[in-house]
Amino acid sequence: KFFSSPISFNLMMLEVSNLGKGIARNVRFKFYDRNGNEIKA
């Protein structure tokens, strides 16, 4: 979840949550551009 902070509208927050019925393991994140190419640091 990517959302604005209740304190101020311009402050952006990030929330990672598990809404399922079981434990999630080895959670990994990757970033891609419009063309599907991975974005590095």
Full PDB file with SEQRES, HELIX, SHEET, SSBOND, CRYST1, ORIGX, SCALE, CONECT and MASTER records, all heavy atoms in Angstrom:
SEQRES   1 A   41  LYS PHE PHE SER SER PRO ILE SER PHE ASN LEU MET MET          
SEQRES   2 A   41  LEU GLU VAL SER ASN LEU GLY LYS GLY ILE ALA ARG ASN          
SEQRES   3 A   41  VAL ARG PHE LYS PHE TYR ASP ARG ASN GLY ASN GLU ILE          
SEQRES   4 A   41  LYS ALA                                                      
SHEET    1 AA1 2 PHE A   2  SER A   4  0                                        
SHEET    2 AA1 2 MET A  12  LEU A  14 -1                                        
CRYST1    1.000    1.000    1.000  90.00  90.00  90.00 P 1           1          
ORIGX1      1.000000  0.000000  0.000000        0.00000                         
ORIGX2      0.000000  1.000000  0.000000        0.00000                         
ORIGX3      0.000000  0.000000  1.000000        0.00000                         
SCALE1      1.000000  0.000000  0.000000        0.00000                         
SCALE2      0.000000  1.000000  0.000000        0.00000                         
SCALE3      0.000000  0.000000  1.000000        0.00000                         
ATOM      1  N   LYS A   1       0.850  -1.191   0.000  1.00  0.00           N  
ATOM      2  CA  LYS A   1       0.000   0.000   0.000  1.00  0.00           C  
ATOM      3  C   LYS A   1       0.881   1.235   0.000  1.00  0.00           C  
ATOM      4  O   LYS A   1       1.755   1.382   0.847  1.00  0.00           O  
ATOM      5  CB  LYS A   1      -0.921  -0.012   1.222  1.00  0.00           C  
ATOM      6  CG  LYS A   1      -1.914   1.147   1.256  1.00  0.00           C  
ATOM      7  CD  LYS A   1      -2.790   1.049   2.488  1.00  0.00           C  
ATOM      8  CE  LYS A   1      -3.767   2.217   2.567  1.00  0.00           C  
ATOM      9  NZ  LYS A   1      -4.600   2.142   3.799  1.00  0.00           N  
ATOM     10  N   PHE A   2       0.655   2.127  -0.958  1.00  0.00           N  
ATOM     11  CA  PHE A   2       1.400   3.376  -1.111  1.00  0.00           C  
ATOM     12  C   PHE A   2       0.404   4.511  -0.930  1.00  0.00           C  
ATOM     13  O   PHE A   2      -0.494   4.695  -1.757  1.00  0.00           O  
ATOM     14  CB  PHE A   2       2.055   3.403  -2.491  1.00  0.00           C  
ATOM     15  CG  PHE A   2       2.891   4.621  -2.758  1.00  0.00           C  
ATOM     16  CD1 PHE A   2       4.022   4.883  -2.008  1.00  0.00           C  
ATOM     17  CD2 PHE A   2       2.553   5.499  -3.775  1.00  0.00           C  
ATOM     18  CE1 PHE A   2       4.801   5.993  -2.258  1.00  0.00           C  
ATOM     19  CE2 PHE A   2       3.322   6.614  -4.040  1.00  0.00           C  
ATOM     20  CZ  PHE A   2       4.454   6.859  -3.278  1.00  0.00           C  
ATOM     21  N   PHE A   3       0.535   5.289   0.158  1.00  0.00           N  
ATOM     22  CA  PHE A   3      -0.508   6.254   0.498  1.00  0.00           C  
ATOM     23  C   PHE A   3       0.095   7.468   1.200  1.00  0.00           C  
ATOM     24  O   PHE A   3       1.260   7.464   1.602  1.00  0.00           O  
ATOM     25  CB  PHE A   3      -1.550   5.601   1.403  1.00  0.00           C  
ATOM     26  CG  PHE A   3      -0.995   5.115   2.720  1.00  0.00           C  
ATOM     27  CD1 PHE A   3      -1.150   5.850   3.878  1.00  0.00           C  
ATOM     28  CD2 PHE A   3      -0.313   3.917   2.789  1.00  0.00           C  
ATOM     29  CE1 PHE A   3      -0.647   5.418   5.080  1.00  0.00           C  
ATOM     30  CE2 PHE A   3       0.207   3.456   3.994  1.00  0.00           C  
ATOM     31  CZ  PHE A   3       0.039   4.207   5.143  1.00  0.00           C  
ATOM     32  N   SER A   4      -0.736   8.509   1.343  1.00  0.00           N  
ATOM     33  CA  SER A   4      -0.325   9.741   2.003  1.00  0.00           C  
ATOM     34  C   SER A   4      -0.478   9.603   3.513  1.00  0.00           C  
ATOM     35  O   SER A   4      -1.408   8.966   4.001  1.00  0.00           O  
ATOM     36  CB  SER A   4      -1.162  10.922   1.511  1.00  0.00           C  
ATOM     37  OG  SER A   4      -0.968  11.134   0.130  1.00  0.00           O  
ATOM     38  N   SER A   5       0.427  10.255   4.238  1.00  0.00           N  
ATOM     39  CA  SER A   5       0.383  10.209   5.699  1.00  0.00           C  
ATOM     40  C   SER A   5      -0.765  11.068   6.216  1.00  0.00           C  
ATOM     41  O   SER A   5      -1.078  12.109   5.636  1.00  0.00           O  
ATOM     42  CB  SER A   5       1.709  10.702   6.264  1.00  0.00           C  
ATOM     43  OG  SER A   5       1.623  10.863   7.658  1.00  0.00           O  
ATOM     44  N   PRO A   6      -1.407  10.645   7.308  1.00  0.00           N  
ATOM     45  CA  PRO A   6      -2.462  11.487   7.897  1.00  0.00           C  
ATOM     46  C   PRO A   6      -1.935  12.826   8.404  1.00  0.00           C  
ATOM     47  O   PRO A   6      -2.704  13.767   8.554  1.00  0.00           O  
ATOM     48  CB  PRO A   6      -2.986  10.625   9.059  1.00  0.00           C  
ATOM     49  CG  PRO A   6      -2.570   9.227   8.739  1.00  0.00           C  
ATOM     50  CD  PRO A   6      -1.290   9.348   7.984  1.00  0.00           C  
ATOM     51  N   ILE A   7      -0.637  12.903   8.665  1.00  0.00           N  
ATOM     52  CA  ILE A   7      -0.066  14.148   9.187  1.00  0.00           C  
ATOM     53  C   ILE A   7      -0.094  15.238   8.124  1.00  0.00           C  
ATOM     54  O   ILE A   7      -0.473  16.377   8.386  1.00  0.00           O  
ATOM     55  CB  ILE A   7       1.368  13.905   9.680  1.00  0.00           C  
ATOM     56  CG1 ILE A   7       1.352  12.876  10.817  1.00  0.00           C  
ATOM     57  CG2 ILE A   7       2.016  15.207  10.130  1.00  0.00           C  
ATOM     58  CD1 ILE A   7       2.722  12.505  11.309  1.00  0.00           C  
ATOM     59  N   SER A   8       0.334  14.884   6.911  1.00  0.00           N  
ATOM     60  CA  SER A   8       0.371  15.855   5.818  1.00  0.00           C  
ATOM     61  C   SER A   8       0.208  15.115   4.494  1.00  0.00           C  
ATOM     62  O   SER A   8       0.695  13.993   4.335  1.00  0.00           O  
ATOM     63  CB  SER A   8       1.684  16.633   5.833  1.00  0.00           C  
ATOM     64  OG  SER A   8       1.724  17.559   4.764  1.00  0.00           O  
ATOM     65  N   PHE A   9      -0.441  15.784   3.561  1.00  0.00           N  
ATOM     66  CA  PHE A   9      -0.761  15.135   2.296  1.00  0.00           C  
ATOM     67  C   PHE A   9       0.475  14.839   1.455  1.00  0.00           C  
ATOM     68  O   PHE A   9       0.492  13.889   0.680  1.00  0.00           O  
ATOM     69  CB  PHE A   9      -1.728  16.026   1.509  1.00  0.00           C  
ATOM     70  CG  PHE A   9      -2.182  15.433   0.213  1.00  0.00           C  
ATOM     71  CD1 PHE A   9      -3.096  14.395   0.198  1.00  0.00           C  
ATOM     72  CD2 PHE A   9      -1.689  15.902  -0.995  1.00  0.00           C  
ATOM     73  CE1 PHE A   9      -3.518  13.838  -0.995  1.00  0.00           C  
ATOM     74  CE2 PHE A   9      -2.102  15.354  -2.196  1.00  0.00           C  
ATOM     75  CZ  PHE A   9      -3.024  14.312  -2.190  1.00  0.00           C  
ATOM     76  N   ASN A  10       1.512  15.632   1.587  1.00  0.00           N  
ATOM     77  CA  ASN A  10       2.691  15.463   0.737  1.00  0.00           C  
ATOM     78  C   ASN A  10       3.667  14.417   1.271  1.00  0.00           C  
ATOM     79  O   ASN A  10       4.646  14.085   0.608  1.00  0.00           O  
ATOM     80  CB  ASN A  10       3.428  16.792   0.591  1.00  0.00           C  
ATOM     81  CG  ASN A  10       4.045  17.253   1.896  1.00  0.00           C  
ATOM     82  OD1 ASN A  10       3.318  17.594   2.821  1.00  0.00           O  
ATOM     83  ND2 ASN A  10       5.357  17.274   1.982  1.00  0.00           N  
ATOM     84  N   LEU A  11       3.426  13.890   2.470  1.00  0.00           N  
ATOM     85  CA  LEU A  11       4.285  12.866   3.052  1.00  0.00           C  
ATOM     86  C   LEU A  11       3.766  11.491   2.651  1.00  0.00           C  
ATOM     87  O   LEU A  11       2.624  11.137   2.952  1.00  0.00           O  
ATOM     88  CB  LEU A  11       4.323  12.994   4.573  1.00  0.00           C  
ATOM     89  CG  LEU A  11       4.782  14.344   5.119  1.00  0.00           C  
ATOM     90  CD1 LEU A  11       4.727  14.348   6.631  1.00  0.00           C  
ATOM     91  CD2 LEU A  11       6.187  14.679   4.627  1.00  0.00           C  
ATOM     92  N   MET A  12       4.586  10.714   1.961  1.00  0.00           N  
ATOM     93  CA  MET A  12       4.167   9.425   1.419  1.00  0.00           C  
ATOM     94  C   MET A  12       4.641   8.290   2.321  1.00  0.00           C  
ATOM     95  O   MET A  12       5.772   8.286   2.814  1.00  0.00           O  
ATOM     96  CB  MET A  12       4.715   9.240   0.008  1.00  0.00           C  
ATOM     97  CG  MET A  12       4.318  10.351  -0.952  1.00  0.00           C  
ATOM     98  SD  MET A  12       2.528  10.666  -0.986  1.00  0.00           S  
ATOM     99  CE  MET A  12       1.926   9.079  -1.576  1.00  0.00           C  
ATOM    100  N   MET A  13       3.750   7.322   2.526  1.00  0.00           N  
ATOM    101  CA  MET A  13       4.003   6.181   3.393  1.00  0.00           C  
ATOM    102  C   MET A  13       3.952   4.884   2.582  1.00  0.00           C  
ATOM    103  O   MET A  13       3.351   4.826   1.514  1.00  0.00           O  
ATOM    104  CB  MET A  13       2.964   6.127   4.513  1.00  0.00           C  
ATOM    105  CG  MET A  13       2.857   7.380   5.351  1.00  0.00           C  
ATOM    106  SD  MET A  13       4.279   7.620   6.404  1.00  0.00           S  
ATOM    107  CE  MET A  13       4.084   6.208   7.501  1.00  0.00           C  
ATOM    108  N   LEU A  14       4.593   3.853   3.116  1.00  0.00           N  
ATOM    109  CA  LEU A  14       4.583   2.528   2.507  1.00  0.00           C  
ATOM    110  C   LEU A  14       4.153   1.511   3.554  1.00  0.00           C  
ATOM    111  O   LEU A  14       4.632   1.528   4.685  1.00  0.00           O  
ATOM    112  CB  LEU A  14       5.972   2.152   1.979  1.00  0.00           C  
ATOM    113  CG  LEU A  14       6.082   0.745   1.368  1.00  0.00           C  
ATOM    114  CD1 LEU A  14       5.311   0.672   0.055  1.00  0.00           C  
ATOM    115  CD2 LEU A  14       7.547   0.363   1.151  1.00  0.00           C  
ATOM    116  N   GLU A  15       3.236   0.627   3.150  1.00  0.00           N  
ATOM    117  CA  GLU A  15       2.763  -0.430   4.052  1.00  0.00           C  
ATOM    118  C   GLU A  15       2.810  -1.769   3.333  1.00  0.00           C  
ATOM    119  O   GLU A  15       2.274  -1.920   2.241  1.00  0.00           O  
ATOM    120  CB  GLU A  15       1.340  -0.138   4.522  1.00  0.00           C  
ATOM    121  CG  GLU A  15       0.773  -1.216   5.444  1.00  0.00           C  
ATOM    122  CD  GLU A  15      -0.672  -0.942   5.821  1.00  0.00           C  
ATOM    123  OE1 GLU A  15      -0.898   0.025   6.574  1.00  0.00           O  
ATOM    124  OE2 GLU A  15      -1.556  -1.687   5.356  1.00  0.00           O  
ATOM    125  N   VAL A  16       3.466  -2.739   3.938  1.00  0.00           N  
ATOM    126  CA  VAL A  16       3.530  -4.115   3.438  1.00  0.00           C  
ATOM    127  C   VAL A  16       2.810  -4.989   4.451  1.00  0.00           C  
ATOM    128  O   VAL A  16       3.208  -5.041   5.623  1.00  0.00           O  
ATOM    129  CB  VAL A  16       4.974  -4.591   3.239  1.00  0.00           C  
ATOM    130  CG1 VAL A  16       4.996  -6.021   2.714  1.00  0.00           C  
ATOM    131  CG2 VAL A  16       5.723  -3.672   2.281  1.00  0.00           C  
ATOM    132  N   SER A  17       1.764  -5.676   4.036  1.00  0.00           N  
ATOM    133  CA  SER A  17       0.963  -6.472   4.963  1.00  0.00           C  
ATOM    134  C   SER A  17       0.626  -7.820   4.355  1.00  0.00           C  
ATOM    135  O   SER A  17       0.631  -7.985   3.133  1.00  0.00           O  
ATOM    136  CB  SER A  17      -0.326  -5.730   5.339  1.00  0.00           C  
ATOM    137  OG  SER A  17      -1.086  -5.436   4.171  1.00  0.00           O  
ATOM    138  N   ASN A  18       0.330  -8.776   5.214  1.00  0.00           N  
ATOM    139  CA  ASN A  18      -0.071 -10.124   4.803  1.00  0.00           C  
ATOM    140  C   ASN A  18      -1.554 -10.289   5.117  1.00  0.00           C  
ATOM    141  O   ASN A  18      -1.943 -10.413   6.281  1.00  0.00           O  
ATOM    142  CB  ASN A  18       0.759 -11.170   5.537  1.00  0.00           C  
ATOM    143  CG  ASN A  18       0.396 -12.589   5.121  1.00  0.00           C  
ATOM    144  OD1 ASN A  18      -0.336 -12.796   4.160  1.00  0.00           O  
ATOM    145  ND2 ASN A  18       0.916 -13.566   5.840  1.00  0.00           N  
ATOM    146  N   LEU A  19      -2.377 -10.300   4.081  1.00  0.00           N  
ATOM    147  CA  LEU A  19      -3.827 -10.399   4.236  1.00  0.00           C  
ATOM    148  C   LEU A  19      -4.328 -11.817   4.021  1.00  0.00           C  
ATOM    149  O   LEU A  19      -5.546 -12.040   4.010  1.00  0.00           O  
ATOM    150  CB  LEU A  19      -4.521  -9.458   3.240  1.00  0.00           C  
ATOM    151  CG  LEU A  19      -4.102  -7.988   3.288  1.00  0.00           C  
ATOM    152  CD1 LEU A  19      -4.846  -7.198   2.224  1.00  0.00           C  
ATOM    153  CD2 LEU A  19      -4.337  -7.399   4.666  1.00  0.00           C  
ATOM    154  N   GLY A  20      -3.428 -12.770   3.859  1.00  0.00           N  
ATOM    155  CA  GLY A  20      -3.824 -14.138   3.578  1.00  0.00           C  
ATOM    156  C   GLY A  20      -4.080 -14.956   4.836  1.00  0.00           C  
ATOM    157  O   GLY A  20      -4.123 -14.440   5.959  1.00  0.00           O  
ATOM    158  N   LYS A  21      -4.210 -16.279   4.639  1.00  0.00           N  
ATOM    159  CA  LYS A  21      -4.519 -17.192   5.735  1.00  0.00           C  
ATOM    160  C   LYS A  21      -3.298 -17.955   6.229  1.00  0.00           C  
ATOM    161  O   LYS A  21      -3.421 -18.804   7.119  1.00  0.00           O  
ATOM    162  CB  LYS A  21      -5.600 -18.191   5.288  1.00  0.00           C  
ATOM    163  CG  LYS A  21      -6.904 -17.549   4.875  1.00  0.00           C  
ATOM    164  CD  LYS A  21      -7.911 -18.585   4.429  1.00  0.00           C  
ATOM    165  CE  LYS A  21      -9.231 -17.936   4.008  1.00  0.00           C  
ATOM    166  NZ  LYS A  21     -10.211 -18.955   3.536  1.00  0.00           N  
ATOM    167  N   GLY A  22      -2.132 -17.701   5.633  1.00  0.00           N  
ATOM    168  CA  GLY A  22      -0.928 -18.408   6.029  1.00  0.00           C  
ATOM    169  C   GLY A  22       0.265 -17.478   6.099  1.00  0.00           C  
ATOM    170  O   GLY A  22       0.207 -16.315   5.675  1.00  0.00           O  
ATOM    171  N   ILE A  23       1.362 -17.988   6.628  1.00  0.00           N  
ATOM    172  CA  ILE A  23       2.587 -17.215   6.765  1.00  0.00           C  
ATOM    173  C   ILE A  23       3.282 -17.095   5.413  1.00  0.00           C  
ATOM    174  O   ILE A  23       3.381 -18.078   4.670  1.00  0.00           O  
ATOM    175  CB  ILE A  23       3.516 -17.879   7.792  1.00  0.00           C  
ATOM    176  CG1 ILE A  23       2.831 -17.949   9.165  1.00  0.00           C  
ATOM    177  CG2 ILE A  23       4.837 -17.131   7.906  1.00  0.00           C  
ATOM    178  CD1 ILE A  23       3.619 -18.719  10.196  1.00  0.00           C  
ATOM    179  N   ALA A  24       3.739 -15.892   5.097  1.00  0.00           N  
ATOM    180  CA  ALA A  24       4.490 -15.647   3.858  1.00  0.00           C  
ATOM    181  C   ALA A  24       5.980 -15.714   4.169  1.00  0.00           C  
ATOM    182  O   ALA A  24       6.456 -15.098   5.120  1.00  0.00           O  
ATOM    183  CB  ALA A  24       4.129 -14.286   3.270  1.00  0.00           C  
ATOM    184  N   ARG A  25       6.711 -16.440   3.348  1.00  0.00           N  
ATOM    185  CA  ARG A  25       8.149 -16.588   3.542  1.00  0.00           C  
ATOM    186  C   ARG A  25       8.893 -16.158   2.282  1.00  0.00           C  
ATOM    187  O   ARG A  25       8.343 -16.194   1.188  1.00  0.00           O  
ATOM    188  CB  ARG A  25       8.499 -18.036   3.890  1.00  0.00           C  
ATOM    189  CG  ARG A  25       7.957 -18.484   5.259  1.00  0.00           C  
ATOM    190  CD  ARG A  25       8.376 -19.889   5.595  1.00  0.00           C  
ATOM    191  NE  ARG A  25       7.958 -20.271   6.953  1.00  0.00           N  
ATOM    192  CZ  ARG A  25       8.146 -21.471   7.483  1.00  0.00           C  
ATOM    193  NH1 ARG A  25       8.746 -22.418   6.766  1.00  0.00           N  
ATOM    194  NH2 ARG A  25       7.734 -21.719   8.706  1.00  0.00           N  
ATOM    195  N   ASN A  26      10.159 -15.751   2.504  1.00  0.00           N  
ATOM    196  CA  ASN A  26      11.028 -15.330   1.397  1.00  0.00           C  
ATOM    197  C   ASN A  26      10.357 -14.261   0.522  1.00  0.00           C  
ATOM    198  O   ASN A  26      10.255 -14.408  -0.695  1.00  0.00           O  
ATOM    199  CB  ASN A  26      11.441 -16.537   0.546  1.00  0.00           C  
ATOM    200  CG  ASN A  26      12.215 -17.565   1.345  1.00  0.00           C  
ATOM    201  OD1 ASN A  26      12.991 -17.221   2.221  1.00  0.00           O  
ATOM    202  ND2 ASN A  26      11.986 -18.838   1.050  1.00  0.00           N  
ATOM    203  N   VAL A  27       9.883 -13.221   1.175  1.00  0.00           N  
ATOM    204  CA  VAL A  27       9.221 -12.127   0.462  1.00  0.00           C  
ATOM    205  C   VAL A  27      10.293 -11.271  -0.208  1.00  0.00           C  
ATOM    206  O   VAL A  27      11.215 -10.784   0.447  1.00  0.00           O  
ATOM    207  CB  VAL A  27       8.369 -11.278   1.413  1.00  0.00           C  
ATOM    208  CG1 VAL A  27       7.614 -10.206   0.637  1.00  0.00           C  
ATOM    209  CG2 VAL A  27       7.396 -12.161   2.194  1.00  0.00           C  
ATOM    210  N   ARG A  28      10.163 -11.086  -1.523  1.00  0.00           N  
ATOM    211  CA  ARG A  28      11.139 -10.312  -2.293  1.00  0.00           C  
ATOM    212  C   ARG A  28      10.408  -9.313  -3.183  1.00  0.00           C  
ATOM    213  O   ARG A  28       9.278  -9.550  -3.621  1.00  0.00           O  
ATOM    214  CB  ARG A  28      12.004 -11.237  -3.162  1.00  0.00           C  
ATOM    215  CG  ARG A  28      12.855 -12.214  -2.366  1.00  0.00           C  
ATOM    216  CD  ARG A  28      13.937 -11.485  -1.586  1.00  0.00           C  
ATOM    217  NE  ARG A  28      14.796 -12.399  -0.846  1.00  0.00           N  
ATOM    218  CZ  ARG A  28      14.598 -12.769   0.406  1.00  0.00           C  
ATOM    219  NH1 ARG A  28      13.539 -12.290   1.057  1.00  0.00           N  
ATOM    220  NH2 ARG A  28      15.428 -13.591   1.009  1.00  0.00           N  
ATOM    221  N   PHE A  29      11.096  -8.185  -3.449  1.00  0.00           N  
ATOM    222  CA  PHE A  29      10.516  -7.122  -4.249  1.00  0.00           C  
ATOM    223  C   PHE A  29      11.473  -6.758  -5.383  1.00  0.00           C  
ATOM    224  O   PHE A  29      12.686  -6.683  -5.182  1.00  0.00           O  
ATOM    225  CB  PHE A  29      10.235  -5.884  -3.397  1.00  0.00           C  
ATOM    226  CG  PHE A  29       9.368  -6.149  -2.202  1.00  0.00           C  
ATOM    227  CD1 PHE A  29       9.946  -6.381  -0.951  1.00  0.00           C  
ATOM    228  CD2 PHE A  29       7.989  -6.175  -2.317  1.00  0.00           C  
ATOM    229  CE1 PHE A  29       9.160  -6.629   0.150  1.00  0.00           C  
ATOM    230  CE2 PHE A  29       7.196  -6.423  -1.212  1.00  0.00           C  
ATOM    231  CZ  PHE A  29       7.783  -6.652   0.020  1.00  0.00           C  
ATOM    232  N   LYS A  30      10.902  -6.519  -6.565  1.00  0.00           N  
ATOM    233  CA  LYS A  30      11.672  -6.062  -7.717  1.00  0.00           C  
ATOM    234  C   LYS A  30      10.902  -4.944  -8.405  1.00  0.00           C  
ATOM    235  O   LYS A  30       9.658  -4.911  -8.381  1.00  0.00           O  
ATOM    236  CB  LYS A  30      11.935  -7.201  -8.699  1.00  0.00           C  
ATOM    237  CG  LYS A  30      12.916  -8.244  -8.171  1.00  0.00           C  
ATOM    238  CD  LYS A  30      13.258  -9.273  -9.238  1.00  0.00           C  
ATOM    239  CE  LYS A  30      14.282 -10.276  -8.724  1.00  0.00           C  
ATOM    240  NZ  LYS A  30      14.643 -11.273  -9.767  1.00  0.00           N  
ATOM    241  N   PHE A  31      11.650  -4.054  -9.057  1.00  0.00           N  
ATOM    242  CA  PHE A  31      11.058  -2.881  -9.703  1.00  0.00           C  
ATOM    243  C   PHE A  31      11.292  -2.962 -11.207  1.00  0.00           C  
ATOM    244  O   PHE A  31      12.400  -3.307 -11.657  1.00  0.00           O  
ATOM    245  CB  PHE A  31      11.679  -1.597  -9.142  1.00  0.00           C  
ATOM    246  CG  PHE A  31      11.436  -1.407  -7.666  1.00  0.00           C  
ATOM    247  CD1 PHE A  31      12.238  -2.037  -6.729  1.00  0.00           C  
ATOM    248  CD2 PHE A  31      10.386  -0.615  -7.231  1.00  0.00           C  
ATOM    249  CE1 PHE A  31      12.024  -1.862  -5.376  1.00  0.00           C  
ATOM    250  CE2 PHE A  31      10.163  -0.433  -5.870  1.00  0.00           C  
ATOM    251  CZ  PHE A  31      10.986  -1.061  -4.950  1.00  0.00           C  
ATOM    252  N   TYR A  32      10.252  -2.616 -11.982  1.00  0.00           N  
ATOM    253  CA  TYR A  32      10.330  -2.688 -13.445  1.00  0.00           C  
ATOM    254  C   TYR A  32       9.750  -1.409 -14.040  1.00  0.00           C  
ATOM    255  O   TYR A  32       8.837  -0.790 -13.472  1.00  0.00           O  
ATOM    256  CB  TYR A  32       9.541  -3.897 -13.974  1.00  0.00           C  
ATOM    257  CG  TYR A  32      10.079  -5.229 -13.506  1.00  0.00           C  
ATOM    258  CD1 TYR A  32       9.592  -5.828 -12.346  1.00  0.00           C  
ATOM    259  CD2 TYR A  32      11.078  -5.888 -14.216  1.00  0.00           C  
ATOM    260  CE1 TYR A  32      10.086  -7.058 -11.915  1.00  0.00           C  
ATOM    261  CE2 TYR A  32      11.571  -7.113 -13.792  1.00  0.00           C  
ATOM    262  CZ  TYR A  32      11.074  -7.685 -12.641  1.00  0.00           C  
ATOM    263  OH  TYR A  32      11.570  -8.890 -12.215  1.00  0.00           O  
ATOM    264  N   ASP A  33      10.272  -1.024 -15.216  1.00  0.00           N  
ATOM    265  CA  ASP A  33       9.772   0.158 -15.905  1.00  0.00           C  
ATOM    266  C   ASP A  33       8.616  -0.218 -16.825  1.00  0.00           C  
ATOM    267  O   ASP A  33       8.112  -1.349 -16.782  1.00  0.00           O  
ATOM    268  CB  ASP A  33      10.902   0.841 -16.678  1.00  0.00           C  
ATOM    269  CG  ASP A  33      11.541  -0.090 -17.705  1.00  0.00           C  
ATOM    270  OD1 ASP A  33      10.934  -1.156 -18.020  1.00  0.00           O  
ATOM    271  OD2 ASP A  33      12.642   0.226 -18.195  1.00  0.00           O  
ATOM    272  N   ARG A  34       8.207   0.719 -17.657  1.00  0.00           N  
ATOM    273  CA  ARG A  34       7.068   0.479 -18.551  1.00  0.00           C  
ATOM    274  C   ARG A  34       7.311  -0.671 -19.519  1.00  0.00           C  
ATOM    275  O   ARG A  34       6.387  -1.369 -19.923  1.00  0.00           O  
ATOM    276  CB  ARG A  34       6.762   1.743 -19.356  1.00  0.00           C  
ATOM    277  CG  ARG A  34       6.297   2.932 -18.525  1.00  0.00           C  
ATOM    278  CD  ARG A  34       6.085   4.146 -19.386  1.00  0.00           C  
ATOM    279  NE  ARG A  34       5.696   5.313 -18.621  1.00  0.00           N  
ATOM    280  CZ  ARG A  34       4.431   5.642 -18.353  1.00  0.00           C  
ATOM    281  NH1 ARG A  34       3.455   4.889 -18.812  1.00  0.00           N  
ATOM    282  NH2 ARG A  34       4.163   6.722 -17.646  1.00  0.00           N  
ATOM    283  N   ASN A  35       8.559  -0.861 -19.905  1.00  0.00           N  
ATOM    284  CA  ASN A  35       8.893  -1.880 -20.900  1.00  0.00           C  
ATOM    285  C   ASN A  35       9.220  -3.228 -20.273  1.00  0.00           C  
ATOM    286  O   ASN A  35       9.609  -4.158 -20.986  1.00  0.00           O  
ATOM    287  CB  ASN A  35      10.089  -1.412 -21.743  1.00  0.00           C  
ATOM    288  CG  ASN A  35       9.795  -0.112 -22.470  1.00  0.00           C  
ATOM    289  OD1 ASN A  35       8.683   0.091 -22.965  1.00  0.00           O  
ATOM    290  ND2 ASN A  35      10.787   0.773 -22.549  1.00  0.00           N  
ATOM    291  N   GLY A  36       9.077  -3.337 -18.974  1.00  0.00           N  
ATOM    292  CA  GLY A  36       9.346  -4.597 -18.317  1.00  0.00           C  
ATOM    293  C   GLY A  36      10.801  -4.814 -17.959  1.00  0.00           C  
ATOM    294  O   GLY A  36      11.170  -5.918 -17.550  1.00  0.00           O  
ATOM    295  N   ASN A  37      11.637  -3.789 -18.081  1.00  0.00           N  
ATOM    296  CA  ASN A  37      13.049  -3.905 -17.720  1.00  0.00           C  
ATOM    297  C   ASN A  37      13.216  -3.625 -16.227  1.00  0.00           C  
ATOM    298  O   ASN A  37      12.627  -2.685 -15.694  1.00  0.00           O  
ATOM    299  CB  ASN A  37      13.895  -2.922 -18.525  1.00  0.00           C  
ATOM    300  CG  ASN A  37      13.771  -3.165 -20.027  1.00  0.00           C  
ATOM    301  OD1 ASN A  37      13.767  -4.311 -20.477  1.00  0.00           O  
ATOM    302  ND2 ASN A  37      13.647  -2.098 -20.798  1.00  0.00           N  
ATOM    303  N   GLU A  38      14.035  -4.428 -15.572  1.00  0.00           N  
ATOM    304  CA  GLU A  38      14.225  -4.264 -14.137  1.00  0.00           C  
ATOM    305  C   GLU A  38      15.005  -2.979 -13.846  1.00  0.00           C  
ATOM    306  O   GLU A  38      15.981  -2.654 -14.523  1.00  0.00           O  
ATOM    307  CB  GLU A  38      14.964  -5.461 -13.554  1.00  0.00           C  
ATOM    308  CG  GLU A  38      15.092  -5.408 -12.036  1.00  0.00           C  
ATOM    309  CD  GLU A  38      15.736  -6.650 -11.459  1.00  0.00           C  
ATOM    310  OE1 GLU A  38      16.029  -7.586 -12.245  1.00  0.00           O  
ATOM    311  OE2 GLU A  38      15.955  -6.692 -10.234  1.00  0.00           O  
ATOM    312  N   ILE A  39      14.555  -2.254 -12.828  1.00  0.00           N  
ATOM    313  CA  ILE A  39      15.197  -1.008 -12.424  1.00  0.00           C  
ATOM    314  C   ILE A  39      16.153  -1.307 -11.275  1.00  0.00           C  
ATOM    315  O   ILE A  39      15.744  -1.820 -10.225  1.00  0.00           O  
ATOM    316  CB  ILE A  39      14.151   0.033 -11.994  1.00  0.00           C  
ATOM    317  CG1 ILE A  39      13.158   0.295 -13.136  1.00  0.00           C  
ATOM    318  CG2 ILE A  39      14.825   1.331 -11.574  1.00  0.00           C  
ATOM    319  CD1 ILE A  39      12.025   1.217 -12.750  1.00  0.00           C  
ATOM    320  N   LYS A  40      17.412  -0.979 -11.464  1.00  0.00           N  
ATOM    321  CA  LYS A  40      18.422  -1.192 -10.441  1.00  0.00           C  
ATOM    322  C   LYS A  40      18.608   0.082  -9.613  1.00  0.00           C  
ATOM    323  O   LYS A  40      18.035   1.130  -9.897  1.00  0.00           O  
ATOM    324  CB  LYS A  40      19.748  -1.591 -11.085  1.00  0.00           C  
ATOM    325  CG  LYS A  40      19.672  -2.864 -11.926  1.00  0.00           C  
ATOM    326  CD  LYS A  40      19.407  -4.089 -11.069  1.00  0.00           C  
ATOM    327  CE  LYS A  40      19.438  -5.354 -11.906  1.00  0.00           C  
ATOM    328  NZ  LYS A  40      19.201  -6.567 -11.074  1.00  0.00           N  
ATOM    329  N   ALA A  41      19.436  -0.021  -8.576  1.00  0.00           N  
ATOM    330  CA  ALA A  41      19.742   1.125  -7.725  1.00  0.00           C  
ATOM    331  C   ALA A  41      20.455   2.202  -8.532  1.00  0.00           C  
ATOM    332  O   ALA A  41      21.212   1.913  -9.469  1.00  0.00           O  
ATOM    333  CB  ALA A  41      20.605   0.696  -6.544  1.00  0.00           C  
TER     334      ALA A  41                                                      
MASTER        0    0    0    0    2    0    0    6  333    1    0    4          
END                                                                             
